[in-house]
Amino acid sequence: MAHNDTSKVRRWDQHGREHVVRVRRTGVQRTIRCDTCGWRRGAQFLPWLKAEEHLAQAHQATVDPTAPRGDRPARAAAVKP
């Protein structure tokens, strides 16, 4: 049986484009790689947090598709007088 040693962090930007950062595990070391821009970084601790930070800073991708509806950023809505 094959071991799954890769996970991914997915976020969407304000234009609806998906951005993915993959976290690959090799022993205790993790390698983070962005599918959108090719950015790479080694991370032993908190690789998923570093992946989220990259997506937010480099791509303004902050919408988490797995978050409950209340945790997602609200879209601009018309304000009732």
PDB file of N, CA and C in Angstrom:
ATOM      1  N   MET A   1       0.854  -1.186   0.000  1.00  0.00           N
ATOM      2  CA  MET A   1       0.000   0.000   0.000  1.00  0.00           C
ATOM      3  C   MET A   1       0.896   1.245   0.000  1.00  0.00           C
ATOM      4  N   ALA A   2       0.627   2.185  -0.873  1.00  0.00           N
ATOM      5  CA  ALA A   2       1.424   3.396  -0.986  1.00  0.00           C
ATOM      6  C   ALA A   2       1.074   4.378   0.132  1.00  0.00           C
ATOM      7  N   HIS A   3       2.105   5.085   0.623  1.00  0.00           N
ATOM      8  CA  HIS A   3       1.898   6.085   1.664  1.00  0.00           C
ATOM      9  C   HIS A   3       1.668   7.442   1.016  1.00  0.00           C
ATOM     10  N   ASN A   4       0.726   8.193   1.543  1.00  0.00           N
ATOM     11  CA  ASN A   4       0.467   9.539   1.047  1.00  0.00           C
ATOM     12  C   ASN A   4       1.338  10.502   1.835  1.00  0.00           C
ATOM     13  N   ASP A   5       2.371  11.033   1.181  1.00  0.00           N
ATOM     14  CA  ASP A   5       3.280  11.929   1.870  1.00  0.00           C
ATOM     15  C   ASP A   5       3.131  13.370   1.372  1.00  0.00           C
ATOM     16  N   THR A   6       2.035  13.664   0.682  1.00  0.00           N
ATOM     17  CA  THR A   6       1.783  15.007   0.170  1.00  0.00           C
ATOM     18  C   THR A   6       0.386  15.454   0.577  1.00  0.00           C
ATOM     19  N   SER A   7       0.296  16.701   1.027  1.00  0.00           N
ATOM     20  CA  SER A   7      -1.003  17.306   1.297  1.00  0.00           C
ATOM     21  C   SER A   7      -1.013  18.659   0.617  1.00  0.00           C
ATOM     22  N   LYS A   8      -2.149  19.320   0.614  1.00  0.00           N
ATOM     23  CA  LYS A   8      -2.205  20.618  -0.053  1.00  0.00           C
ATOM     24  C   LYS A   8      -3.085  21.585   0.705  1.00  0.00           C
ATOM     25  N   VAL A   9      -2.759  22.853   0.523  1.00  0.00           N
ATOM     26  CA  VAL A   9      -3.542  23.951   1.087  1.00  0.00           C
ATOM     27  C   VAL A   9      -4.126  24.685  -0.104  1.00  0.00           C
ATOM     28  N   ARG A  10      -5.455  24.793  -0.154  1.00  0.00           N
ATOM     29  CA  ARG A  10      -6.140  25.442  -1.275  1.00  0.00           C
ATOM     30  C   ARG A  10      -6.859  26.681  -0.789  1.00  0.00           C
ATOM     31  N   ARG A  11      -6.726  27.751  -1.526  1.00  0.00           N
ATOM     32  CA  ARG A  11      -7.441  28.996  -1.238  1.00  0.00           C
ATOM     33  C   ARG A  11      -7.836  29.626  -2.564  1.00  0.00           C
ATOM     34  N   TRP A  12      -8.870  30.453  -2.507  1.00  0.00           N
ATOM     35  CA  TRP A  12      -9.334  31.176  -3.683  1.00  0.00           C
ATOM     36  C   TRP A  12      -9.114  32.665  -3.480  1.00  0.00           C
ATOM     37  N   ASP A  13      -8.827  33.362  -4.574  1.00  0.00           N
ATOM     38  CA  ASP A  13      -8.674  34.819  -4.484  1.00  0.00           C
ATOM     39  C   ASP A  13     -10.009  35.494  -4.768  1.00  0.00           C
ATOM     40  N   GLN A  14     -10.020  36.830  -4.753  1.00  0.00           N
ATOM     41  CA  GLN A  14     -11.265  37.580  -4.930  1.00  0.00           C
ATOM     42  C   GLN A  14     -11.841  37.448  -6.334  1.00  0.00           C
ATOM     43  N   HIS A  15     -11.059  36.928  -7.283  1.00  0.00           N
ATOM     44  CA  HIS A  15     -11.542  36.733  -8.655  1.00  0.00           C
ATOM     45  C   HIS A  15     -12.023  35.309  -8.897  1.00  0.00           C
ATOM     46  N   GLY A  16     -12.005  34.492  -7.863  1.00  0.00           N
ATOM     47  CA  GLY A  16     -12.482  33.119  -7.979  1.00  0.00           C
ATOM     48  C   GLY A  16     -11.446  32.135  -8.483  1.00  0.00           C
ATOM     49  N   ARG A  17     -10.176  32.556  -8.570  1.00  0.00           N
ATOM     50  CA  ARG A  17      -9.118  31.658  -9.030  1.00  0.00           C
ATOM     51  C   ARG A  17      -8.589  30.837  -7.863  1.00  0.00           C
ATOM     52  N   GLU A  18      -8.389  29.564  -8.124  1.00  0.00           N
ATOM     53  CA  GLU A  18      -7.861  28.667  -7.096  1.00  0.00           C
ATOM     54  C   GLU A  18      -6.335  28.722  -7.105  1.00  0.00           C
ATOM     55  N   HIS A  19      -5.754  28.738  -5.901  1.00  0.00           N
ATOM     56  CA  HIS A  19      -4.304  28.687  -5.729  1.00  0.00           C
ATOM     57  C   HIS A  19      -4.014  27.532  -4.781  1.00  0.00           C
ATOM     58  N   VAL A  20      -2.997  26.732  -5.119  1.00  0.00           N
ATOM     59  CA  VAL A  20      -2.685  25.538  -4.340  1.00  0.00           C
ATOM     60  C   VAL A  20      -1.212  25.546  -3.957  1.00  0.00           C
ATOM     61  N   VAL A  21      -0.943  25.273  -2.686  1.00  0.00           N
ATOM     62  CA  VAL A  21       0.413  25.048  -2.202  1.00  0.00           C
ATOM     63  C   VAL A  21       0.453  23.618  -1.685  1.00  0.00           C
ATOM     64  N   ARG A  22       1.403  22.843  -2.190  1.00  0.00           N
ATOM     65  CA  ARG A  22       1.540  21.445  -1.771  1.00  0.00           C
ATOM     66  C   ARG A  22       2.615  21.344  -0.697  1.00  0.00           C
ATOM     67  N   VAL A  23       2.327  20.519   0.304  1.00  0.00           N
ATOM     68  CA  VAL A  23       3.263  20.259   1.396  1.00  0.00           C
ATOM     69  C   VAL A  23       3.692  18.803   1.268  1.00  0.00           C
ATOM     70  N   ARG A  24       4.988  18.600   1.015  1.00  0.00           N
ATOM     71  CA  ARG A  24       5.509  17.243   0.842  1.00  0.00           C
ATOM     72  C   ARG A  24       6.384  16.886   2.035  1.00  0.00           C
ATOM     73  N   ARG A  25       6.175  15.702   2.551  1.00  0.00           N
ATOM     74  CA  ARG A  25       6.900  15.243   3.735  1.00  0.00           C
ATOM     75  C   ARG A  25       7.999  14.266   3.334  1.00  0.00           C
ATOM     76  N   THR A  26       9.204  14.509   3.849  1.00  0.00           N
ATOM     77  CA  THR A  26      10.325  13.594   3.706  1.00  0.00           C
ATOM     78  C   THR A  26      10.966  13.488   5.082  1.00  0.00           C
ATOM     79  N   GLY A  27      10.639  12.442   5.812  1.00  0.00           N
ATOM     80  CA  GLY A  27      11.104  12.317   7.189  1.00  0.00           C
ATOM     81  C   GLY A  27      10.463  13.394   8.046  1.00  0.00           C
ATOM     82  N   VAL A  28      11.277  14.177   8.765  1.00  0.00           N
ATOM     83  CA  VAL A  28      10.724  15.252   9.586  1.00  0.00           C
ATOM     84  C   VAL A  28      10.670  16.572   8.816  1.00  0.00           C
ATOM     85  N   GLN A  29      11.339  16.633   7.672  1.00  0.00           N
ATOM     86  CA  GLN A  29      11.367  17.864   6.877  1.00  0.00           C
ATOM     87  C   GLN A  29      10.163  17.927   5.947  1.00  0.00           C
ATOM     88  N   ARG A  30       9.614  19.129   5.791  1.00  0.00           N
ATOM     89  CA  ARG A  30       8.525  19.371   4.848  1.00  0.00           C
ATOM     90  C   ARG A  30       9.014  20.355   3.787  1.00  0.00           C
ATOM     91  N   THR A  31       8.608  20.147   2.550  1.00  0.00           N
ATOM     92  CA  THR A  31       8.905  21.081   1.470  1.00  0.00           C
ATOM     93  C   THR A  31       7.583  21.644   0.993  1.00  0.00           C
ATOM     94  N   ILE A  32       7.523  22.966   0.903  1.00  0.00           N
ATOM     95  CA  ILE A  32       6.313  23.659   0.476  1.00  0.00           C
ATOM     96  C   ILE A  32       6.549  24.160  -0.945  1.00  0.00           C
ATOM     97  N   ARG A  33       5.588  23.905  -1.870  1.00  0.00           N
ATOM     98  CA  ARG A  33       5.736  24.355  -3.255  1.00  0.00           C
ATOM     99  C   ARG A  33       4.411  24.894  -3.754  1.00  0.00           C
ATOM    100  N   CYS A  34       4.445  26.101  -4.327  1.00  0.00           N
ATOM    101  CA  CYS A  34       3.247  26.744  -4.858  1.00  0.00           C
ATOM    102  C   CYS A  34       3.053  26.348  -6.312  1.00  0.00           C
ATOM    103  N   ASP A  35       1.891  25.798  -6.643  1.00  0.00           N
ATOM    104  CA  ASP A  35       1.581  25.422  -8.028  1.00  0.00           C
ATOM    105  C   ASP A  35       1.405  26.647  -8.915  1.00  0.00           C
ATOM    106  N   THR A  36       1.026  27.775  -8.344  1.00  0.00           N
ATOM    107  CA  THR A  36       0.753  28.972  -9.132  1.00  0.00           C
ATOM    108  C   THR A  36       2.028  29.658  -9.605  1.00  0.00           C
ATOM    109  N   CYS A  37       2.976  29.884  -8.686  1.00  0.00           N
ATOM    110  CA  CYS A  37       4.154  30.686  -9.043  1.00  0.00           C
ATOM    111  C   CYS A  37       5.475  29.935  -8.929  1.00  0.00           C
ATOM    112  N   GLY A  38       5.466  28.706  -8.423  1.00  0.00           N
ATOM    113  CA  GLY A  38       6.694  27.937  -8.316  1.00  0.00           C
ATOM    114  C   GLY A  38       7.513  28.214  -7.067  1.00  0.00           C
ATOM    115  N   TRP A  39       7.012  29.051  -6.163  1.00  0.00           N
ATOM    116  CA  TRP A  39       7.704  29.377  -4.914  1.00  0.00           C
ATOM    117  C   TRP A  39       7.939  28.093  -4.134  1.00  0.00           C
ATOM    118  N   ARG A  40       9.131  27.969  -3.537  1.00  0.00           N
ATOM    119  CA  ARG A  40       9.474  26.788  -2.736  1.00  0.00           C
ATOM    120  C   ARG A  40      10.108  27.216  -1.432  1.00  0.00           C
ATOM    121  N   ARG A  41       9.900  26.391  -0.417  1.00  0.00           N
ATOM    122  CA  ARG A  41      10.503  26.673   0.880  1.00  0.00           C
ATOM    123  C   ARG A  41      10.511  25.389   1.703  1.00  0.00           C
ATOM    124  N   GLY A  42      11.562  25.199   2.448  1.00  0.00           N
ATOM    125  CA  GLY A  42      11.629  24.089   3.384  1.00  0.00           C
ATOM    126  C   GLY A  42      11.049  24.548   4.712  1.00  0.00           C
ATOM    127  N   ALA A  43      10.339  23.662   5.381  1.00  0.00           N
ATOM    128  CA  ALA A  43       9.744  24.033   6.674  1.00  0.00           C
ATOM    129  C   ALA A  43       9.621  22.784   7.529  1.00  0.00           C
ATOM    130  N   GLN A  44      10.264  22.826   8.687  1.00  0.00           N
ATOM    131  CA  GLN A  44      10.148  21.697   9.599  1.00  0.00           C
ATOM    132  C   GLN A  44       8.945  21.875  10.522  1.00  0.00           C
ATOM    133  N   PHE A  45       8.630  23.135  10.848  1.00  0.00           N
ATOM    134  CA  PHE A  45       7.532  23.409  11.762  1.00  0.00           C
ATOM    135  C   PHE A  45       6.459  24.256  11.083  1.00  0.00           C
ATOM    136  N   LEU A  46       5.211  23.953  11.342  1.00  0.00           N
ATOM    137  CA  LEU A  46       4.050  24.701  10.852  1.00  0.00           C
ATOM    138  C   LEU A  46       4.056  24.945   9.344  1.00  0.00           C
ATOM    139  N   PRO A  47       4.242  23.919   8.532  1.00  0.00           N
ATOM    140  CA  PRO A  47       4.288  24.138   7.080  1.00  0.00           C
ATOM    141  C   PRO A  47       2.962  24.630   6.506  1.00  0.00           C
ATOM    142  N   TRP A  48       1.844  24.211   7.090  1.00  0.00           N
ATOM    143  CA  TRP A  48       0.551  24.620   6.555  1.00  0.00           C
ATOM    144  C   TRP A  48       0.284  26.095   6.838  1.00  0.00           C
ATOM    145  N   LEU A  49       0.736  26.562   7.981  1.00  0.00           N
ATOM    146  CA  LEU A  49       0.608  27.987   8.296  1.00  0.00           C
ATOM    147  C   LEU A  49       1.447  28.817   7.331  1.00  0.00           C
ATOM    148  N   LYS A  50       2.650  28.368   7.041  1.00  0.00           N
ATOM    149  CA  LYS A  50       3.519  29.078   6.090  1.00  0.00           C
ATOM    150  C   LYS A  50       2.914  29.054   4.691  1.00  0.00           C
ATOM    151  N   ALA A  51       2.255  27.954   4.334  1.00  0.00           N
ATOM    152  CA  ALA A  51       1.585  27.874   3.034  1.00  0.00           C
ATOM    153  C   ALA A  51       0.427  28.870   2.964  1.00  0.00           C
ATOM    154  N   GLU A  52      -0.366  28.964   4.028  1.00  0.00           N
ATOM    155  CA  GLU A  52      -1.470  29.927   4.071  1.00  0.00           C
ATOM    156  C   GLU A  52      -0.957  31.357   3.979  1.00  0.00           C
ATOM    157  N   GLU A  53       0.145  31.644   4.678  1.00  0.00           N
ATOM    158  CA  GLU A  53       0.725  32.986   4.630  1.00  0.00           C
ATOM    159  C   GLU A  53       1.182  33.337   3.212  1.00  0.00           C
ATOM    160  N   HIS A  54       1.811  32.389   2.525  1.00  0.00           N
ATOM    161  CA  HIS A  54       2.240  32.643   1.147  1.00  0.00           C
ATOM    162  C   HIS A  54       1.044  32.938   0.249  1.00  0.00           C
ATOM    163  N   LEU A  55      -0.003  32.145   0.366  1.00  0.00           N
ATOM    164  CA  LEU A  55      -1.187  32.348  -0.472  1.00  0.00           C
ATOM    165  C   LEU A  55      -1.810  33.710  -0.226  1.00  0.00           C
ATOM    166  N   ALA A  56      -1.869  34.125   1.020  1.00  0.00           N
ATOM    167  CA  ALA A  56      -2.464  35.419   1.361  1.00  0.00           C
ATOM    168  C   ALA A  56      -1.590  36.575   0.879  1.00  0.00           C
ATOM    169  N   GLN A  57      -0.276  36.486   1.084  1.00  0.00           N
ATOM    170  CA  GLN A  57       0.608  37.590   0.743  1.00  0.00           C
ATOM    171  C   GLN A  57       0.914  37.676  -0.747  1.00  0.00           C
ATOM    172  N   ALA A  58       1.207  36.563  -1.384  1.00  0.00           N
ATOM    173  CA  ALA A  58       1.628  36.576  -2.784  1.00  0.00           C
ATOM    174  C   ALA A  58       0.466  36.600  -3.765  1.00  0.00           C
ATOM    175  N   HIS A  59      -0.656  35.993  -3.389  1.00  0.00           N
ATOM    176  CA  HIS A  59      -1.766  35.834  -4.338  1.00  0.00           C
ATOM    177  C   HIS A  59      -3.077  36.435  -3.842  1.00  0.00           C
ATOM    178  N   GLN A  60      -3.089  37.016  -2.655  1.00  0.00           N
ATOM    179  CA  GLN A  60      -4.299  37.547  -2.038  1.00  0.00           C
ATOM    180  C   GLN A  60      -5.413  36.498  -2.041  1.00  0.00           C
ATOM    181  N   ALA A  61      -5.020  35.244  -1.867  1.00  0.00           N
ATOM    182  CA  ALA A  61      -5.967  34.130  -1.850  1.00  0.00           C
ATOM    183  C   ALA A  61      -6.265  33.794  -0.391  1.00  0.00           C
ATOM    184  N   THR A  62      -7.427  34.193   0.086  1.00  0.00           N
ATOM    185  CA  THR A  62      -7.765  34.019   1.496  1.00  0.00           C
ATOM    186  C   THR A  62      -9.056  33.256   1.739  1.00  0.00           C
ATOM    187  N   VAL A  63      -9.794  32.910   0.707  1.00  0.00           N
ATOM    188  CA  VAL A  63     -11.073  32.222   0.890  1.00  0.00           C
ATOM    189  C   VAL A  63     -10.811  30.727   1.026  1.00  0.00           C
ATOM    190  N   ASP A  64     -11.153  30.180   2.185  1.00  0.00           N
ATOM    191  CA  ASP A  64     -10.963  28.769   2.484  1.00  0.00           C
ATOM    192  C   ASP A  64     -12.239  28.016   2.136  1.00  0.00           C
ATOM    193  N   PRO A  65     -12.182  27.107   1.147  1.00  0.00           N
ATOM    194  CA  PRO A  65     -13.395  26.394   0.737  1.00  0.00           C
ATOM    195  C   PRO A  65     -13.912  25.420   1.787  1.00  0.00           C
ATOM    196  N   THR A  66     -13.086  25.041   2.752  1.00  0.00           N
ATOM    197  CA  THR A  66     -13.510  24.072   3.759  1.00  0.00           C
ATOM    198  C   THR A  66     -14.014  24.733   5.035  1.00  0.00           C
ATOM    199  N   ALA A  67     -13.891  26.053   5.127  1.00  0.00           N
ATOM    200  CA  ALA A  67     -14.332  26.764   6.330  1.00  0.00           C
ATOM    201  C   ALA A  67     -15.852  26.818   6.378  1.00  0.00           C
ATOM    202  N   PRO A  68     -16.414  26.771   7.586  1.00  0.00           N
ATOM    203  CA  PRO A  68     -17.864  26.951   7.711  1.00  0.00           C
ATOM    204  C   PRO A  68     -18.265  28.312   7.144  1.00  0.00           C
ATOM    205  N   ARG A  69     -19.455  28.424   6.692  1.00  0.00           N
ATOM    206  CA  ARG A  69     -19.930  29.642   6.021  1.00  0.00           C
ATOM    207  C   ARG A  69     -19.688  30.894   6.855  1.00  0.00           C
ATOM    208  N   GLY A  70     -19.831  30.829   8.168  1.00  0.00           N
ATOM    209  CA  GLY A  70     -19.656  31.997   9.024  1.00  0.00           C
ATOM    210  C   GLY A  70     -18.216  32.474   9.102  1.00  0.00           C
ATOM    211  N   ASP A  71     -17.233  31.593   8.785  1.00  0.00           N
ATOM    212  CA  ASP A  71     -15.824  31.957   8.868  1.00  0.00           C
ATOM    213  C   ASP A  71     -15.290  32.565   7.577  1.00  0.00           C
ATOM    214  N   ARG A  72     -16.045  32.459   6.507  1.00  0.00           N
ATOM    215  CA  ARG A  72     -15.589  32.992   5.233  1.00  0.00           C
ATOM    216  C   ARG A  72     -15.765  34.495   5.198  1.00  0.00           C
ATOM    217  N   PRO A  73     -14.882  35.193   4.477  1.00  0.00           N
ATOM    218  CA  PRO A  73     -15.052  36.647   4.353  1.00  0.00           C
ATOM    219  C   PRO A  73     -16.387  36.970   3.683  1.00  0.00           C
ATOM    220  N   ALA A  74     -17.074  37.929   4.227  1.00  0.00           N
ATOM    221  CA  ALA A  74     -18.376  38.284   3.684  1.00  0.00           C
ATOM    222  C   ALA A  74     -18.228  39.077   2.391  1.00  0.00           C
ATOM    223  N   ARG A  75     -19.107  38.835   1.457  1.00  0.00           N
ATOM    224  CA  ARG A  75     -19.123  39.620   0.230  1.00  0.00           C
ATOM    225  C   ARG A  75     -19.829  40.931   0.517  1.00  0.00           C
ATOM    226  N   ALA A  76     -19.489  41.926  -0.277  1.00  0.00           N
ATOM    227  CA  ALA A  76     -20.147  43.233  -0.098  1.00  0.00           C
ATOM    228  C   ALA A  76     -21.629  43.079  -0.348  1.00  0.00           C
ATOM    229  N   ALA A  77     -22.414  43.516   0.587  1.00  0.00           N
ATOM    230  CA  ALA A  77     -23.866  43.421   0.469  1.00  0.00           C
ATOM    231  C   ALA A  77     -24.465  44.807   0.554  1.00  0.00           C
ATOM    232  N   ALA A  78     -25.596  44.962  -0.053  1.00  0.00           N
ATOM    233  CA  ALA A  78     -26.288  46.253   0.002  1.00  0.00           C
ATOM    234  C   ALA A  78     -26.745  46.506   1.439  1.00  0.00           C
ATOM    235  N   VAL A  79     -26.523  47.694   1.907  1.00  0.00           N
ATOM    236  CA  VAL A  79     -26.910  48.049   3.264  1.00  0.00           C
ATOM    237  C   VAL A  79     -28.302  48.647   3.223  1.00  0.00           C
ATOM    238  N   LYS A  80     -29.185  48.103   4.053  1.00  0.00           N
ATOM    239  CA  LYS A  80     -30.545  48.627   4.103  1.00  0.00           C
ATOM    240  C   LYS A  80     -30.583  49.888   4.950  1.00  0.00           C
ATOM    241  N   PRO A  81     -31.287  50.899   4.479  1.00  0.00           N
ATOM    242  CA  PRO A  81     -31.356  52.148   5.253  1.00  0.00           C
ATOM    243  C   PRO A  81     -32.156  52.004   6.532  1.00  0.00           C
TER     244      PRO A  81
END
